[in-house]
């Protein structure tokens, strides 16, 4: 299943609140960002692999309020949340680091 695009700050807040204890990973991206374009298919594949976690995308120009509230300064940015709280982030296009972090934080969620 493709990660859902969160189009408003309200939708972002509701999605995090509704996730409970599950790990939520959000990709902040823009169409003009070449690194974002290269990471998007990888991110989508990871969302199919790690089905115990929830994956979303936020286009920083279409949902500026959320991008600003999350203090997005560089792209791509991946932020990990649990219980609507930020637990980790990765800035930049690093597939191995992203995969390892998702595996680690998904495992932590399963232990709870």
PDB file of N, CA and C in Angstrom:
ATOM      1  N   UNK A   1       0.840  -1.189   0.000  1.00  0.00           N
ATOM      2  CA  UNK A   1       0.000   0.000   0.000  1.00  0.00           C
ATOM      3  C   UNK A   1       0.884   1.251   0.000  1.00  0.00           C
ATOM      4  N   UNK A   2       0.570   2.174  -0.851  1.00  0.00           N
ATOM      5  CA  UNK A   2       1.339   3.411  -0.958  1.00  0.00           C
ATOM      6  C   UNK A   2       1.122   4.286   0.277  1.00  0.00           C
ATOM      7  N   UNK A   3       2.171   4.957   0.738  1.00  0.00           N
ATOM      8  CA  UNK A   3       1.994   5.871   1.869  1.00  0.00           C
ATOM      9  C   UNK A   3       1.001   6.986   1.511  1.00  0.00           C
ATOM     10  N   UNK A   4       0.108   7.266   2.418  1.00  0.00           N
ATOM     11  CA  UNK A   4      -0.890   8.313   2.215  1.00  0.00           C
ATOM     12  C   UNK A   4      -0.221   9.682   2.306  1.00  0.00           C
ATOM     13  N   UNK A   5      -0.643  10.603   1.450  1.00  0.00           N
ATOM     14  CA  UNK A   5      -0.155  11.982   1.501  1.00  0.00           C
ATOM     15  C   UNK A   5      -1.071  12.768   2.437  1.00  0.00           C
ATOM     16  N   UNK A   6      -0.470  13.378   3.456  1.00  0.00           N
ATOM     17  CA  UNK A   6      -1.228  14.182   4.417  1.00  0.00           C
ATOM     18  C   UNK A   6      -1.232  15.622   3.914  1.00  0.00           C
ATOM     19  N   UNK A   7      -2.425  16.131   3.602  1.00  0.00           N
ATOM     20  CA  UNK A   7      -2.536  17.409   2.902  1.00  0.00           C
ATOM     21  C   UNK A   7      -2.766  18.608   3.800  1.00  0.00           C
ATOM     22  N   UNK A   8      -3.133  18.380   5.063  1.00  0.00           N
ATOM     23  CA  UNK A   8      -3.376  19.497   5.985  1.00  0.00           C
ATOM     24  C   UNK A   8      -2.735  19.204   7.332  1.00  0.00           C
ATOM     25  N   UNK A   9      -2.563  20.244   8.119  1.00  0.00           N
ATOM     26  CA  UNK A   9      -2.005  20.031   9.459  1.00  0.00           C
ATOM     27  C   UNK A   9      -2.987  19.249  10.328  1.00  0.00           C
ATOM     28  N   UNK A  10      -4.271  19.457  10.129  1.00  0.00           N
ATOM     29  CA  UNK A  10      -5.276  18.697  10.868  1.00  0.00           C
ATOM     30  C   UNK A  10      -5.211  17.219  10.551  1.00  0.00           C
ATOM     31  N   UNK A  11      -5.056  16.896   9.273  1.00  0.00           N
ATOM     32  CA  UNK A  11      -4.935  15.498   8.861  1.00  0.00           C
ATOM     33  C   UNK A  11      -3.652  14.885   9.438  1.00  0.00           C
ATOM     34  N   UNK A  12      -2.568  15.659   9.467  1.00  0.00           N
ATOM     35  CA  UNK A  12      -1.310  15.210  10.053  1.00  0.00           C
ATOM     36  C   UNK A  12      -1.511  14.888  11.531  1.00  0.00           C
ATOM     37  N   UNK A  13      -2.079  15.819  12.276  1.00  0.00           N
ATOM     38  CA  UNK A  13      -2.298  15.632  13.716  1.00  0.00           C
ATOM     39  C   UNK A  13      -3.197  14.425  13.993  1.00  0.00           C
ATOM     40  N   UNK A  14      -4.279  14.298  13.239  1.00  0.00           N
ATOM     41  CA  UNK A  14      -5.209  13.173  13.419  1.00  0.00           C
ATOM     42  C   UNK A  14      -4.536  11.835  13.115  1.00  0.00           C
ATOM     43  N   UNK A  15      -3.709  11.818  12.080  1.00  0.00           N
ATOM     44  CA  UNK A  15      -3.024  10.573  11.698  1.00  0.00           C
ATOM     45  C   UNK A  15      -2.044  10.124  12.776  1.00  0.00           C
ATOM     46  N   UNK A  16      -1.302  11.074  13.347  1.00  0.00           N
ATOM     47  CA  UNK A  16      -0.373  10.715  14.428  1.00  0.00           C
ATOM     48  C   UNK A  16      -1.136  10.251  15.660  1.00  0.00           C
ATOM     49  N   UNK A  17      -2.186  10.967  16.013  1.00  0.00           N
ATOM     50  CA  UNK A  17      -2.965  10.619  17.203  1.00  0.00           C
ATOM     51  C   UNK A  17      -3.634   9.252  17.052  1.00  0.00           C
ATOM     52  N   UNK A  18      -4.055   8.933  15.840  1.00  0.00           N
ATOM     53  CA  UNK A  18      -4.756   7.682  15.598  1.00  0.00           C
ATOM     54  C   UNK A  18      -3.855   6.459  15.506  1.00  0.00           C
ATOM     55  N   UNK A  19      -2.544   6.660  15.499  1.00  0.00           N
ATOM     56  CA  UNK A  19      -1.611   5.544  15.321  1.00  0.00           C
ATOM     57  C   UNK A  19      -1.345   4.776  16.601  1.00  0.00           C
ATOM     58  N   UNK A  20      -1.680   5.362  17.741  1.00  0.00           N
ATOM     59  CA  UNK A  20      -1.448   4.683  19.015  1.00  0.00           C
ATOM     60  C   UNK A  20       0.024   4.419  19.252  1.00  0.00           C
ATOM     61  N   UNK A  21       0.365   3.174  19.602  1.00  0.00           N
ATOM     62  CA  UNK A  21       1.750   2.784  19.888  1.00  0.00           C
ATOM     63  C   UNK A  21       2.551   2.443  18.635  1.00  0.00           C
ATOM     64  N   UNK A  22       1.890   2.358  17.492  1.00  0.00           N
ATOM     65  CA  UNK A  22       2.599   1.978  16.264  1.00  0.00           C
ATOM     66  C   UNK A  22       3.577   3.068  15.847  1.00  0.00           C
ATOM     67  N   UNK A  23       4.674   2.660  15.249  1.00  0.00           N
ATOM     68  CA  UNK A  23       5.644   3.593  14.697  1.00  0.00           C
ATOM     69  C   UNK A  23       5.042   4.260  13.463  1.00  0.00           C
ATOM     70  N   UNK A  24       5.187   5.580  13.394  1.00  0.00           N
ATOM     71  CA  UNK A  24       4.765   6.342  12.221  1.00  0.00           C
ATOM     72  C   UNK A  24       6.014   6.973  11.616  1.00  0.00           C
ATOM     73  N   UNK A  25       6.201   6.766  10.318  1.00  0.00           N
ATOM     74  CA  UNK A  25       7.323   7.362   9.600  1.00  0.00           C
ATOM     75  C   UNK A  25       6.747   8.319   8.564  1.00  0.00           C
ATOM     76  N   UNK A  26       7.235   9.558   8.580  1.00  0.00           N
ATOM     77  CA  UNK A  26       6.732  10.564   7.647  1.00  0.00           C
ATOM     78  C   UNK A  26       7.884  11.072   6.790  1.00  0.00           C
ATOM     79  N   UNK A  27       7.687  11.023   5.484  1.00  0.00           N
ATOM     80  CA  UNK A  27       8.625  11.585   4.521  1.00  0.00           C
ATOM     81  C   UNK A  27       8.162  12.985   4.159  1.00  0.00           C
ATOM     82  N   UNK A  28       8.999  13.971   4.426  1.00  0.00           N
ATOM     83  CA  UNK A  28       8.749  15.346   3.999  1.00  0.00           C
ATOM     84  C   UNK A  28       9.534  15.548   2.708  1.00  0.00           C
ATOM     85  N   UNK A  29       8.842  15.993   1.643  1.00  0.00           N
ATOM     86  CA  UNK A  29       9.457  16.028   0.321  1.00  0.00           C
ATOM     87  C   UNK A  29       8.901  17.180  -0.520  1.00  0.00           C
ATOM     88  N   UNK A  30       9.510  17.378  -1.689  1.00  0.00           N
ATOM     89  CA  UNK A  30       9.016  18.312  -2.699  1.00  0.00           C
ATOM     90  C   UNK A  30       9.322  17.710  -4.072  1.00  0.00           C
ATOM     91  N   UNK A  31       8.529  18.067  -5.054  1.00  0.00           N
ATOM     92  CA  UNK A  31       8.705  17.527  -6.403  1.00  0.00           C
ATOM     93  C   UNK A  31      10.049  17.918  -7.012  1.00  0.00           C
ATOM     94  N   UNK A  32      10.514  19.119  -6.744  1.00  0.00           N
ATOM     95  CA  UNK A  32      11.761  19.618  -7.336  1.00  0.00           C
ATOM     96  C   UNK A  32      13.015  19.010  -6.706  1.00  0.00           C
ATOM     97  N   UNK A  33      12.865  18.296  -5.601  1.00  0.00           N
ATOM     98  CA  UNK A  33      13.999  17.719  -4.868  1.00  0.00           C
ATOM     99  C   UNK A  33      14.418  16.390  -5.511  1.00  0.00           C
ATOM    100  N   UNK A  34      15.590  16.382  -6.136  1.00  0.00           N
ATOM    101  CA  UNK A  34      16.056  15.168  -6.816  1.00  0.00           C
ATOM    102  C   UNK A  34      16.292  14.015  -5.849  1.00  0.00           C
ATOM    103  N   UNK A  35      16.836  14.308  -4.678  1.00  0.00           N
ATOM    104  CA  UNK A  35      17.049  13.252  -3.680  1.00  0.00           C
ATOM    105  C   UNK A  35      15.723  12.668  -3.211  1.00  0.00           C
ATOM    106  N   UNK A  36      14.713  13.524  -3.104  1.00  0.00           N
ATOM    107  CA  UNK A  36      13.381  13.041  -2.726  1.00  0.00           C
ATOM    108  C   UNK A  36      12.852  12.083  -3.785  1.00  0.00           C
ATOM    109  N   UNK A  37      13.032  12.452  -5.034  1.00  0.00           N
ATOM    110  CA  UNK A  37      12.565  11.599  -6.131  1.00  0.00           C
ATOM    111  C   UNK A  37      13.260  10.243  -6.117  1.00  0.00           C
ATOM    112  N   UNK A  38      14.544  10.229  -5.789  1.00  0.00           N
ATOM    113  CA  UNK A  38      15.260   8.947  -5.763  1.00  0.00           C
ATOM    114  C   UNK A  38      14.853   8.105  -4.553  1.00  0.00           C
ATOM    115  N   UNK A  39      14.476   8.742  -3.450  1.00  0.00           N
ATOM    116  CA  UNK A  39      14.110   8.006  -2.233  1.00  0.00           C
ATOM    117  C   UNK A  39      12.647   7.565  -2.206  1.00  0.00           C
ATOM    118  N   UNK A  40      11.781   8.216  -2.963  1.00  0.00           N
ATOM    119  CA  UNK A  40      10.354   7.895  -2.902  1.00  0.00           C
ATOM    120  C   UNK A  40      10.057   6.431  -3.219  1.00  0.00           C
ATOM    121  N   UNK A  41      10.584   5.844  -4.304  1.00  0.00           N
ATOM    122  CA  UNK A  41      10.281   4.423  -4.533  1.00  0.00           C
ATOM    123  C   UNK A  41      10.859   3.508  -3.454  1.00  0.00           C
ATOM    124  N   UNK A  42      11.989   3.879  -2.902  1.00  0.00           N
ATOM    125  CA  UNK A  42      12.588   3.102  -1.805  1.00  0.00           C
ATOM    126  C   UNK A  42      11.684   3.171  -0.582  1.00  0.00           C
ATOM    127  N   UNK A  43      11.216   4.376  -0.263  1.00  0.00           N
ATOM    128  CA  UNK A  43      10.312   4.593   0.870  1.00  0.00           C
ATOM    129  C   UNK A  43       9.032   3.776   0.693  1.00  0.00           C
ATOM    130  N   UNK A  44       8.505   3.766  -0.515  1.00  0.00           N
ATOM    131  CA  UNK A  44       7.282   3.011  -0.787  1.00  0.00           C
ATOM    132  C   UNK A  44       7.513   1.506  -0.622  1.00  0.00           C
ATOM    133  N   UNK A  45       8.672   1.022  -1.048  1.00  0.00           N
ATOM    134  CA  UNK A  45       9.013  -0.388  -0.856  1.00  0.00           C
ATOM    135  C   UNK A  45       9.136  -0.721   0.626  1.00  0.00           C
ATOM    136  N   UNK A  46       9.776   0.154   1.387  1.00  0.00           N
ATOM    137  CA  UNK A  46       9.909  -0.061   2.830  1.00  0.00           C
ATOM    138  C   UNK A  46       8.541  -0.094   3.507  1.00  0.00           C
ATOM    139  N   UNK A  47       7.617   0.716   3.025  1.00  0.00           N
ATOM    140  CA  UNK A  47       6.268   0.720   3.613  1.00  0.00           C
ATOM    141  C   UNK A  47       5.573  -0.618   3.398  1.00  0.00           C
ATOM    142  N   UNK A  48       5.911  -1.306   2.318  1.00  0.00           N
ATOM    143  CA  UNK A  48       5.338  -2.626   2.052  1.00  0.00           C
ATOM    144  C   UNK A  48       6.043  -3.717   2.858  1.00  0.00           C
ATOM    145  N   UNK A  49       7.311  -3.500   3.179  1.00  0.00           N
ATOM    146  CA  UNK A  49       8.071  -4.464   3.985  1.00  0.00           C
ATOM    147  C   UNK A  49       7.722  -4.394   5.465  1.00  0.00           C
ATOM    148  N   UNK A  50       7.642  -3.193   5.983  1.00  0.00           N
ATOM    149  CA  UNK A  50       7.433  -2.980   7.423  1.00  0.00           C
ATOM    150  C   UNK A  50       5.957  -2.662   7.684  1.00  0.00           C
ATOM    151  N   UNK A  51       5.132  -3.686   7.591  1.00  0.00           N
ATOM    152  CA  UNK A  51       3.686  -3.490   7.675  1.00  0.00           C
ATOM    153  C   UNK A  51       3.189  -3.214   9.096  1.00  0.00           C
ATOM    154  N   UNK A  52       4.051  -3.397  10.093  1.00  0.00           N
ATOM    155  CA  UNK A  52       3.650  -3.073  11.463  1.00  0.00           C
ATOM    156  C   UNK A  52       3.772  -1.581  11.748  1.00  0.00           C
ATOM    157  N   UNK A  53       4.391  -0.849  10.837  1.00  0.00           N
ATOM    158  CA  UNK A  53       4.536   0.599  10.977  1.00  0.00           C
ATOM    159  C   UNK A  53       3.629   1.295   9.971  1.00  0.00           C
ATOM    160  N   UNK A  54       3.401   2.575  10.206  1.00  0.00           N
ATOM    161  CA  UNK A  54       2.537   3.366   9.339  1.00  0.00           C
ATOM    162  C   UNK A  54       3.406   4.408   8.631  1.00  0.00           C
ATOM    163  N   UNK A  55       3.213   4.554   7.322  1.00  0.00           N
ATOM    164  CA  UNK A  55       4.015   5.456   6.513  1.00  0.00           C
ATOM    165  C   UNK A  55       3.137   6.532   5.880  1.00  0.00           C
ATOM    166  N   UNK A  56       3.587   7.780   5.987  1.00  0.00           N
ATOM    167  CA  UNK A  56       2.899   8.912   5.376  1.00  0.00           C
ATOM    168  C   UNK A  56       3.900   9.765   4.628  1.00  0.00           C
ATOM    169  N   UNK A  57       3.362  10.641   3.771  1.00  0.00           N
ATOM    170  CA  UNK A  57       4.177  11.623   3.071  1.00  0.00           C
ATOM    171  C   UNK A  57       3.554  13.002   3.265  1.00  0.00           C
ATOM    172  N   UNK A  58       4.415  14.028   3.356  1.00  0.00           N
ATOM    173  CA  UNK A  58       3.956  15.414   3.433  1.00  0.00           C
ATOM    174  C   UNK A  58       4.729  16.208   2.391  1.00  0.00           C
ATOM    175  N   UNK A  59       3.999  16.756   1.428  1.00  0.00           N
ATOM    176  CA  UNK A  59       4.595  17.643   0.424  1.00  0.00           C
ATOM    177  C   UNK A  59       4.727  19.015   1.076  1.00  0.00           C
ATOM    178  N   UNK A  60       5.957  19.503   1.198  1.00  0.00           N
ATOM    179  CA  UNK A  60       6.194  20.702   2.009  1.00  0.00           C
ATOM    180  C   UNK A  60       5.573  21.963   1.431  1.00  0.00           C
ATOM    181  N   UNK A  61       5.307  21.994   0.131  1.00  0.00           N
ATOM    182  CA  UNK A  61       4.696  23.180  -0.464  1.00  0.00           C
ATOM    183  C   UNK A  61       3.176  23.117  -0.407  1.00  0.00           C
ATOM    184  N   UNK A  62       2.618  21.922  -0.414  1.00  0.00           N
ATOM    185  CA  UNK A  62       1.167  21.768  -0.340  1.00  0.00           C
ATOM    186  C   UNK A  62       0.671  21.774   1.105  1.00  0.00           C
ATOM    187  N   UNK A  63       1.548  21.465   2.041  1.00  0.00           N
ATOM    188  CA  UNK A  63       1.191  21.431   3.461  1.00  0.00           C
ATOM    189  C   UNK A  63       2.273  22.196   4.237  1.00  0.00           C
ATOM    190  N   UNK A  64       2.372  23.485   3.938  1.00  0.00           N
ATOM    191  CA  UNK A  64       3.413  24.330   4.532  1.00  0.00           C
ATOM    192  C   UNK A  64       3.300  24.417   6.047  1.00  0.00           C
ATOM    193  N   UNK A  65       2.076  24.433   6.557  1.00  0.00           N
ATOM    194  CA  UNK A  65       1.874  24.561   8.002  1.00  0.00           C
ATOM    195  C   UNK A  65       2.534  23.401   8.762  1.00  0.00           C
ATOM    196  N   UNK A  66       2.347  22.193   8.263  1.00  0.00           N
ATOM    197  CA  UNK A  66       2.966  21.038   8.913  1.00  0.00           C
ATOM    198  C   UNK A  66       4.479  21.075   8.760  1.00  0.00           C
ATOM    199  N   UNK A  67       4.958  21.415   7.569  1.00  0.00           N
ATOM    200  CA  UNK A  67       6.412  21.493   7.352  1.00  0.00           C
ATOM    201  C   UNK A  67       7.040  22.515   8.303  1.00  0.00           C
ATOM    202  N   UNK A  68       6.371  23.628   8.493  1.00  0.00           N
ATOM    203  CA  UNK A  68       6.893  24.649   9.414  1.00  0.00           C
ATOM    204  C   UNK A  68       6.824  24.187  10.864  1.00  0.00           C
ATOM    205  N   UNK A  69       5.723  23.574  11.267  1.00  0.00           N
ATOM    206  CA  UNK A  69       5.581  23.137  12.663  1.00  0.00           C
ATOM    207  C   UNK A  69       6.591  22.039  13.004  1.00  0.00           C
ATOM    208  N   UNK A  70       6.994  21.258  12.002  1.00  0.00           N
ATOM    209  CA  UNK A  70       7.962  20.185  12.223  1.00  0.00           C
ATOM    210  C   UNK A  70       9.399  20.647  11.965  1.00  0.00           C
ATOM    211  N   UNK A  71       9.535  21.938  11.668  1.00  0.00           N
ATOM    212  CA  UNK A  71      10.856  22.566  11.479  1.00  0.00           C
ATOM    213  C   UNK A  71      11.693  21.889  10.389  1.00  0.00           C
ATOM    214  N   UNK A  72      11.058  21.650   9.238  1.00  0.00           N
ATOM    215  CA  UNK A  72      11.755  21.026   8.118  1.00  0.00           C
ATOM    216  C   UNK A  72      12.661  22.062   7.463  1.00  0.00           C
ATOM    217  N   UNK A  73      13.960  21.769   7.437  1.00  0.00           N
ATOM    218  CA  UNK A  73      14.959  22.696   6.895  1.00  0.00           C
ATOM    219  C   UNK A  73      15.674  22.141   5.676  1.00  0.00           C
ATOM    220  N   UNK A  74      15.638  20.821   5.470  1.00  0.00           N
ATOM    221  CA  UNK A  74      16.325  20.179   4.351  1.00  0.00           C
ATOM    222  C   UNK A  74      15.487  18.999   3.876  1.00  0.00           C
ATOM    223  N   UNK A  75      15.712  18.601   2.630  1.00  0.00           N
ATOM    224  CA  UNK A  75      14.946  17.505   2.038  1.00  0.00           C
ATOM    225  C   UNK A  75      15.879  16.444   1.468  1.00  0.00           C
ATOM    226  N   UNK A  76      15.414  15.208   1.441  1.00  0.00           N
ATOM    227  CA  UNK A  76      14.242  14.715   2.156  1.00  0.00           C
ATOM    228  C   UNK A  76      14.516  14.623   3.655  1.00  0.00           C
ATOM    229  N   UNK A  77      13.445  14.753   4.429  1.00  0.00           N
ATOM    230  CA  UNK A  77      13.523  14.531   5.872  1.00  0.00           C
ATOM    231  C   UNK A  77      12.521  13.441   6.228  1.00  0.00           C
ATOM    232  N   UNK A  78      12.991  12.486   7.007  1.00  0.00           N
ATOM    233  CA  UNK A  78      12.150  11.390   7.502  1.00  0.00           C
ATOM    234  C   UNK A  78      12.049  11.564   9.011  1.00  0.00           C
ATOM    235  N   UNK A  79      10.834  11.695   9.522  1.00  0.00           N
ATOM    236  CA  UNK A  79      10.646  11.824  10.968  1.00  0.00           C
ATOM    237  C   UNK A  79       9.835  10.633  11.458  1.00  0.00           C
ATOM    238  N   UNK A  80      10.314  10.062  12.567  1.00  0.00           N
ATOM    239  CA  UNK A  80       9.683   8.907  13.202  1.00  0.00           C
ATOM    240  C   UNK A  80       8.927   9.399  14.431  1.00  0.00           C
ATOM    241  N   UNK A  81       7.688   8.936  14.575  1.00  0.00           N
ATOM    242  CA  UNK A  81       6.843   9.329  15.707  1.00  0.00           C
ATOM    243  C   UNK A  81       6.292   8.091  16.393  1.00  0.00           C
ATOM    244  N   UNK A  82       6.085   8.213  17.691  1.00  0.00           N
ATOM    245  CA  UNK A  82       5.355   7.207  18.462  1.00  0.00           C
ATOM    246  C   UNK A  82       4.511   7.971  19.473  1.00  0.00           C
ATOM    247  N   UNK A  83       3.252   7.609  19.555  1.00  0.00           N
ATOM    248  CA  UNK A  83       2.304   8.305  20.441  1.00  0.00           C
ATOM    249  C   UNK A  83       2.326   9.806  20.167  1.00  0.00           C
ATOM    250  N   UNK A  84       2.383  10.151  18.889  1.00  0.00           N
ATOM    251  CA  UNK A  84       2.366  11.530  18.387  1.00  0.00           C
ATOM    252  C   UNK A  84       3.587  12.347  18.806  1.00  0.00           C
ATOM    253  N   UNK A  85       4.628  11.692  19.306  1.00  0.00           N
ATOM    254  CA  UNK A  85       5.861  12.374  19.717  1.00  0.00           C
ATOM    255  C   UNK A  85       7.005  11.959  18.798  1.00  0.00           C
ATOM    256  N   UNK A  86       7.817  12.934  18.418  1.00  0.00           N
ATOM    257  CA  UNK A  86       8.985  12.652  17.581  1.00  0.00           C
ATOM    258  C   UNK A  86       9.988  11.827  18.380  1.00  0.00           C
ATOM    259  N   UNK A  87      10.448  10.711  17.779  1.00  0.00           N
ATOM    260  CA  UNK A  87      11.428   9.865  18.455  1.00  0.00           C
ATOM    261  C   UNK A  87      12.758   9.795  17.707  1.00  0.00           C
ATOM    262  N   UNK A  88      12.765  10.161  16.408  1.00  0.00           N
ATOM    263  CA  UNK A  88      13.991  10.065  15.633  1.00  0.00           C
ATOM    264  C   UNK A  88      13.774  10.779  14.306  1.00  0.00           C
ATOM    265  N   UNK A  89      14.864  11.212  13.683  1.00  0.00           N
ATOM    266  CA  UNK A  89      14.752  11.783  12.343  1.00  0.00           C
ATOM    267  C   UNK A  89      16.015  11.509  11.536  1.00  0.00           C
ATOM    268  N   UNK A  90      15.845  11.512  10.231  1.00  0.00           N
ATOM    269  CA  UNK A  90      16.947  11.355   9.289  1.00  0.00           C
ATOM    270  C   UNK A  90      16.793  12.443   8.245  1.00  0.00           C
ATOM    271  N   UNK A  91      17.866  13.160   7.998  1.00  0.00           N
ATOM    272  CA  UNK A  91      17.863  14.176   6.947  1.00  0.00           C
ATOM    273  C   UNK A  91      18.782  13.681   5.841  1.00  0.00           C
ATOM    274  N   UNK A  92      18.247  13.638   4.630  1.00  0.00           N
ATOM    275  CA  UNK A  92      19.045  13.215   3.491  1.00  0.00           C
ATOM    276  C   UNK A  92      18.641  11.855   2.965  1.00  0.00           C
ATOM    277  N   UNK A  93      19.209  11.518   1.811  1.00  0.00           N
ATOM    278  CA  UNK A  93      18.867  10.295   1.102  1.00  0.00           C
ATOM    279  C   UNK A  93      19.872   9.199   1.425  1.00  0.00           C
ATOM    280  N   UNK A  94      19.567   8.416   2.453  1.00  0.00           N
ATOM    281  CA  UNK A  94      20.448   7.331   2.863  1.00  0.00           C
ATOM    282  C   UNK A  94      19.587   6.092   3.103  1.00  0.00           C
ATOM    283  N   UNK A  95      19.487   5.250   2.080  1.00  0.00           N
ATOM    284  CA  UNK A  95      18.608   4.082   2.147  1.00  0.00           C
ATOM    285  C   UNK A  95      18.972   3.148   3.299  1.00  0.00           C
ATOM    286  N   UNK A  96      20.246   2.858   3.476  1.00  0.00           N
ATOM    287  CA  UNK A  96      20.657   1.925   4.526  1.00  0.00           C
ATOM    288  C   UNK A  96      20.303   2.463   5.911  1.00  0.00           C
ATOM    289  N   UNK A  97      20.586   3.721   6.145  1.00  0.00           N
ATOM    290  CA  UNK A  97      20.276   4.325   7.445  1.00  0.00           C
ATOM    291  C   UNK A  97      18.768   4.326   7.694  1.00  0.00           C
ATOM    292  N   UNK A  98      17.988   4.629   6.662  1.00  0.00           N
ATOM    293  CA  UNK A  98      16.530   4.635   6.788  1.00  0.00           C
ATOM    294  C   UNK A  98      16.022   3.240   7.110  1.00  0.00           C
ATOM    295  N   UNK A  99      16.475   2.251   6.380  1.00  0.00           N
ATOM    296  CA  UNK A  99      16.043   0.859   6.610  1.00  0.00           C
ATOM    297  C   UNK A  99      16.391   0.405   8.030  1.00  0.00           C
ATOM    298  N   UNK A 100      17.612   0.678   8.456  1.00  0.00           N
ATOM    299  CA  UNK A 100      18.050   0.270   9.795  1.00  0.00           C
ATOM    300  C   UNK A 100      17.220   0.959  10.887  1.00  0.00           C
ATOM    301  N   UNK A 101      16.940   2.238  10.698  1.00  0.00           N
ATOM    302  CA  UNK A 101      16.163   2.966  11.705  1.00  0.00           C
ATOM    303  C   UNK A 101      14.725   2.455  11.770  1.00  0.00           C
ATOM    304  N   UNK A 102      14.125   2.184  10.623  1.00  0.00           N
ATOM    305  CA  UNK A 102      12.754   1.645  10.627  1.00  0.00           C
ATOM    306  C   UNK A 102      12.734   0.291  11.325  1.00  0.00           C
ATOM    307  N   UNK A 103      13.701  -0.563  11.017  1.00  0.00           N
ATOM    308  CA  UNK A 103      13.766  -1.880  11.663  1.00  0.00           C
ATOM    309  C   UNK A 103      13.923  -1.728  13.172  1.00  0.00           C
ATOM    310  N   UNK A 104      14.811  -0.849  13.593  1.00  0.00           N
ATOM    311  CA  UNK A 104      15.065  -0.642  15.029  1.00  0.00           C
ATOM    312  C   UNK A 104      13.819  -0.133  15.744  1.00  0.00           C
ATOM    313  N   UNK A 105      13.203   0.923  15.216  1.00  0.00           N
ATOM    314  CA  UNK A 105      12.069   1.519  15.925  1.00  0.00           C
ATOM    315  C   UNK A 105      10.794   0.705  15.784  1.00  0.00           C
ATOM    316  N   UNK A 106      10.673  -0.105  14.736  1.00  0.00           N
ATOM    317  CA  UNK A 106       9.547  -1.027  14.633  1.00  0.00           C
ATOM    318  C   UNK A 106       9.693  -2.121  15.696  1.00  0.00           C
ATOM    319  N   UNK A 107      10.909  -2.614  15.871  1.00  0.00           N
ATOM    320  CA  UNK A 107      11.170  -3.656  16.886  1.00  0.00           C
ATOM    321  C   UNK A 107      10.873  -3.128  18.289  1.00  0.00           C
ATOM    322  N   UNK A 108      11.240  -1.892  18.557  1.00  0.00           N
ATOM    323  CA  UNK A 108      10.952  -1.288  19.858  1.00  0.00           C
ATOM    324  C   UNK A 108       9.451  -1.220  20.077  1.00  0.00           C
ATOM    325  N   UNK A 109       8.713  -0.862  19.035  1.00  0.00           N
ATOM    326  CA  UNK A 109       7.249  -0.777  19.157  1.00  0.00           C
ATOM    327  C   UNK A 109       6.644  -2.137  19.447  1.00  0.00           C
ATOM    328  N   UNK A 110       7.188  -3.188  18.852  1.00  0.00           N
ATOM    329  CA  UNK A 110       6.648  -4.538  19.074  1.00  0.00           C
ATOM    330  C   UNK A 110       6.886  -5.017  20.494  1.00  0.00           C
ATOM    331  N   UNK A 111       7.950  -4.528  21.133  1.00  0.00           N
ATOM    332  CA  UNK A 111       8.272  -4.946  22.497  1.00  0.00           C
ATOM    333  C   UNK A 111       7.339  -4.329  23.523  1.00  0.00           C
ATOM    334  N   UNK A 112       6.630  -3.312  23.138  1.00  0.00           N
ATOM    335  CA  UNK A 112       5.761  -2.612  24.091  1.00  0.00           C
ATOM    336  C   UNK A 112       4.440  -3.292  24.251  1.00  0.00           C
TER     337      UNK A 112
END
